[in-house]
Amino acid sequence: MACYAFLLNKYVLFTGITGAAVLSLASIPLRNIIGFLYISDDNKLIKISSVDFWGKRRDKIIDANDWIPLLEMSPKVSDAIYLTPKLTDGTKYKLIIKFGNVLNAQKIGQVLE
């Protein structure tokens, strides 16, 4: 009976470690996805809301000049699924264009492009 308990504990431990590794690896493509993008009335500030590894919302308020325009960046293969906007400090985000809703397309075009 003791041998069975030892093997069971080993399988439970292996399953737990494997499950944690799979979930961690599966979350890598989902990091820094922009959930909400807010632009101030005077088009000078941008608030980027994204989710970190632990699922906590992270808000970052930046100056509009810190956003590198999307048209200045070279095209990538992944642009059909998501865009990769960058900030001047080197931070990269993912902006999914297939899903979502833009409330003011003219304003977002003025600031982001």
Protein backbone atom coordinates (compact mmCIF):
# COMPACT_ATOMS: atom_id res chain seq x y z
CA MET A 1 0.00 0.00 0.00
CA ALA A 2 2.86 2.39 0.75
CA CYS A 3 4.32 1.83 -2.71
CA TYR A 4 0.98 2.74 -4.31
CA ALA A 5 0.80 5.98 -2.30
CA PHE A 6 4.35 6.88 -3.33
CA LEU A 7 3.55 6.36 -7.03
CA LEU A 8 0.30 8.30 -6.72
CA ASN A 9 2.11 11.24 -5.10
CA LYS A 10 4.69 11.15 -7.88
CA TYR A 11 2.00 11.29 -10.59
CA VAL A 12 0.15 14.08 -8.83
CA LEU A 13 3.36 16.09 -8.54
CA PHE A 14 4.24 15.45 -12.20
CA THR A 15 0.74 16.45 -13.32
CA GLY A 16 0.86 19.64 -11.27
CA ILE A 17 4.25 20.70 -12.59
CA THR A 18 3.31 19.86 -16.18
CA GLY A 19 0.00 21.72 -15.90
CA ALA A 20 1.69 24.82 -14.50
CA ALA A 21 4.29 24.76 -17.27
CA VAL A 22 1.67 24.37 -20.01
CA LEU A 23 -0.46 27.22 -18.66
CA SER A 24 2.57 29.49 -18.31
CA LEU A 25 3.70 28.78 -21.87
CA ALA A 26 0.18 29.22 -23.24
CA SER A 27 -0.06 32.68 -21.67
CA ILE A 28 3.06 34.03 -23.41
CA PRO A 29 1.25 35.14 -26.61
CA LEU A 30 -1.42 36.85 -24.50
CA ARG A 31 0.93 39.21 -22.67
CA ASN A 32 0.66 42.97 -23.24
CA ILE A 33 -2.59 42.80 -25.17
CA ILE A 34 -4.29 46.18 -25.17
CA GLY A 35 -7.77 45.81 -23.73
CA PHE A 36 -8.81 49.46 -23.75
CA LEU A 37 -7.21 52.50 -25.32
CA TYR A 38 -8.34 55.92 -24.12
CA ILE A 39 -7.41 59.21 -25.77
CA SER A 40 -7.82 62.56 -24.02
CA ASP A 41 -10.05 65.28 -25.48
CA ASP A 42 -7.05 67.37 -26.53
CA ASN A 43 -5.25 64.34 -28.10
CA LYS A 44 -2.20 64.83 -25.86
CA LEU A 45 -2.51 61.85 -23.51
CA ILE A 46 -3.13 58.16 -24.18
CA LYS A 47 -4.16 55.67 -21.51
CA ILE A 48 -3.25 52.07 -22.33
CA SER A 49 -5.01 49.34 -20.35
CA SER A 50 -3.53 45.86 -20.57
CA VAL A 51 -3.45 42.68 -18.49
CA ASP A 52 -0.27 41.33 -16.91
CA PHE A 53 0.78 37.70 -16.36
CA TRP A 54 -1.31 37.37 -13.19
CA GLY A 55 -4.46 38.77 -14.82
CA LYS A 56 -4.28 42.15 -13.13
CA ARG A 57 -5.19 45.23 -15.14
CA ARG A 58 -2.28 47.60 -15.76
CA ASP A 59 -2.99 51.18 -16.80
CA LYS A 60 -0.25 53.31 -18.29
CA ILE A 61 -0.78 56.97 -19.14
CA ILE A 62 1.64 58.29 -21.73
CA ASP A 63 2.14 61.41 -23.79
CA ALA A 64 0.88 61.08 -27.37
CA ASN A 65 4.41 61.85 -28.61
CA ASP A 66 5.71 58.71 -26.86
CA TRP A 67 3.56 56.53 -29.14
CA ILE A 68 5.42 55.50 -32.31
CA PRO A 69 2.91 55.87 -35.19
CA LEU A 70 1.86 52.58 -36.73
CA LEU A 71 2.50 53.83 -40.26
CA GLU A 72 6.18 54.48 -39.45
CA MET A 73 6.77 50.85 -38.50
CA SER A 74 7.65 48.16 -41.01
CA PRO A 75 4.88 45.67 -41.89
CA LYS A 76 4.96 42.23 -40.29
CA VAL A 77 3.34 38.88 -41.04
CA SER A 78 1.27 39.11 -37.86
CA ASP A 79 -0.35 42.42 -38.91
CA ALA A 80 -3.36 40.53 -40.29
CA ILE A 81 -4.19 39.35 -36.76
CA TYR A 82 -2.78 42.03 -34.48
CA LEU A 83 -0.70 45.17 -34.69
CA THR A 84 2.38 45.68 -32.52
CA PRO A 85 2.49 49.31 -31.42
CA LYS A 86 5.63 50.46 -29.62
CA LEU A 87 6.46 53.27 -27.26
CA THR A 88 9.62 55.36 -27.34
CA ASP A 89 10.84 53.61 -24.17
CA GLY A 90 10.83 50.25 -26.01
CA THR A 91 7.62 48.82 -24.55
CA LYS A 92 5.75 46.64 -27.04
CA TYR A 93 2.02 45.96 -26.98
CA LYS A 94 -0.39 43.91 -29.05
CA LEU A 95 -3.48 45.56 -30.52
CA ILE A 96 -5.95 43.00 -31.83
CA ILE A 97 -7.73 44.45 -34.83
CA LYS A 98 -10.05 41.60 -35.74
CA PHE A 99 -12.15 41.86 -32.59
CA GLY A 100 -13.20 44.94 -30.70
CA ASN A 101 -15.07 48.15 -31.19
CA VAL A 102 -13.77 51.60 -32.11
CA LEU A 103 -16.05 54.38 -30.89
CA ASN A 104 -14.32 57.29 -32.63
CA ALA A 105 -12.34 56.13 -35.66
CA GLN A 106 -11.36 59.63 -36.76
CA LYS A 107 -9.81 60.50 -33.40
CA ILE A 108 -7.94 57.23 -33.06
CA GLY A 109 -6.63 57.67 -36.60
CA GLN A 110 -5.28 61.14 -35.80
CA VAL A 111 -3.39 59.99 -32.74
CA LEU A 112 -2.22 56.46 -33.52
CA GLU A 113 -1.30 56.76 -37.18
